[in-house]
Amino acid sequence: MNDHEIAGLLAREAGELLLELREKGLDKGVSGYQLQVMADRE
């Protein structure tokens, strides 16, 4: 696997994690600001 493929894989995985975090936060009524702070920590 070359550097570009690894970067793409990591970007996809990070995007999936952020979408999952966003969904969980919205389900709990978390504000947009709180979601941003949570995403910065992950």
C-alpha atoms as a PDB file:
ATOM      1  CA  MET A   1       0.000   0.000   0.000  1.00  0.00           C
ATOM      2  CA  ASN A   2       1.473   3.376  -0.966  1.00  0.00           C
ATOM      3  CA  ASP A   3       1.298   6.661   0.954  1.00  0.00           C
ATOM      4  CA  HIS A   4      -1.698   7.939  -1.022  1.00  0.00           C
ATOM      5  CA  GLU A   5      -3.690   4.780  -0.365  1.00  0.00           C
ATOM      6  CA  ILE A   6      -2.885   4.915   3.344  1.00  0.00           C
ATOM      7  CA  ALA A   7      -3.896   8.586   3.505  1.00  0.00           C
ATOM      8  CA  GLY A   8      -7.181   7.799   1.761  1.00  0.00           C
ATOM      9  CA  LEU A   9      -7.892   4.917   4.129  1.00  0.00           C
ATOM     10  CA  LEU A  10      -7.191   7.051   7.188  1.00  0.00           C
ATOM     11  CA  ALA A  11      -9.356   9.886   5.855  1.00  0.00           C
ATOM     12  CA  ARG A  12     -12.283   7.526   5.238  1.00  0.00           C
ATOM     13  CA  GLU A  13     -11.964   5.979   8.691  1.00  0.00           C
ATOM     14  CA  ALA A  14     -11.759   9.404  10.345  1.00  0.00           C
ATOM     15  CA  GLY A  15     -14.822  10.559   8.407  1.00  0.00           C
ATOM     16  CA  GLU A  16     -16.796   7.502   9.468  1.00  0.00           C
ATOM     17  CA  LEU A  17     -15.857   8.045  13.114  1.00  0.00           C
ATOM     18  CA  LEU A  18     -16.847  11.716  12.960  1.00  0.00           C
ATOM     19  CA  LEU A  19     -20.204  10.894  11.377  1.00  0.00           C
ATOM     20  CA  GLU A  20     -20.851   8.279  14.062  1.00  0.00           C
ATOM     21  CA  LEU A  21     -19.926  10.765  16.785  1.00  0.00           C
ATOM     22  CA  ARG A  22     -22.196  13.399  15.215  1.00  0.00           C
ATOM     23  CA  GLU A  23     -25.131  10.987  15.053  1.00  0.00           C
ATOM     24  CA  LYS A  24     -24.699   9.953  18.687  1.00  0.00           C
ATOM     25  CA  GLY A  25     -24.426  13.569  19.760  1.00  0.00           C
ATOM     26  CA  LEU A  26     -27.515  14.668  17.864  1.00  0.00           C
ATOM     27  CA  ASP A  27     -29.466  11.766  19.361  1.00  0.00           C
ATOM     28  CA  LYS A  28     -28.522  13.071  22.812  1.00  0.00           C
ATOM     29  CA  GLY A  29     -29.407  16.686  21.958  1.00  0.00           C
ATOM     30  CA  VAL A  30     -25.829  17.934  21.942  1.00  0.00           C
ATOM     31  CA  SER A  31     -25.310  21.429  20.499  1.00  0.00           C
ATOM     32  CA  GLY A  32     -23.247  22.108  17.392  1.00  0.00           C
ATOM     33  CA  TYR A  33     -20.521  23.690  19.502  1.00  0.00           C
ATOM     34  CA  GLN A  34     -20.374  20.665  21.793  1.00  0.00           C
ATOM     35  CA  LEU A  35     -20.138  18.379  18.752  1.00  0.00           C
ATOM     36  CA  GLN A  36     -17.183  20.390  17.481  1.00  0.00           C
ATOM     37  CA  VAL A  37     -15.403  20.131  20.829  1.00  0.00           C
ATOM     38  CA  MET A  38     -16.105  16.393  20.998  1.00  0.00           C
ATOM     39  CA  ALA A  39     -14.771  15.873  17.475  1.00  0.00           C
ATOM     40  CA  ASP A  40     -11.579  17.759  18.296  1.00  0.00           C
ATOM     41  CA  ARG A  41     -10.944  15.337  21.164  1.00  0.00           C
ATOM     42  CA  GLU A  42     -11.460  12.162  19.113  1.00  0.00           C
END
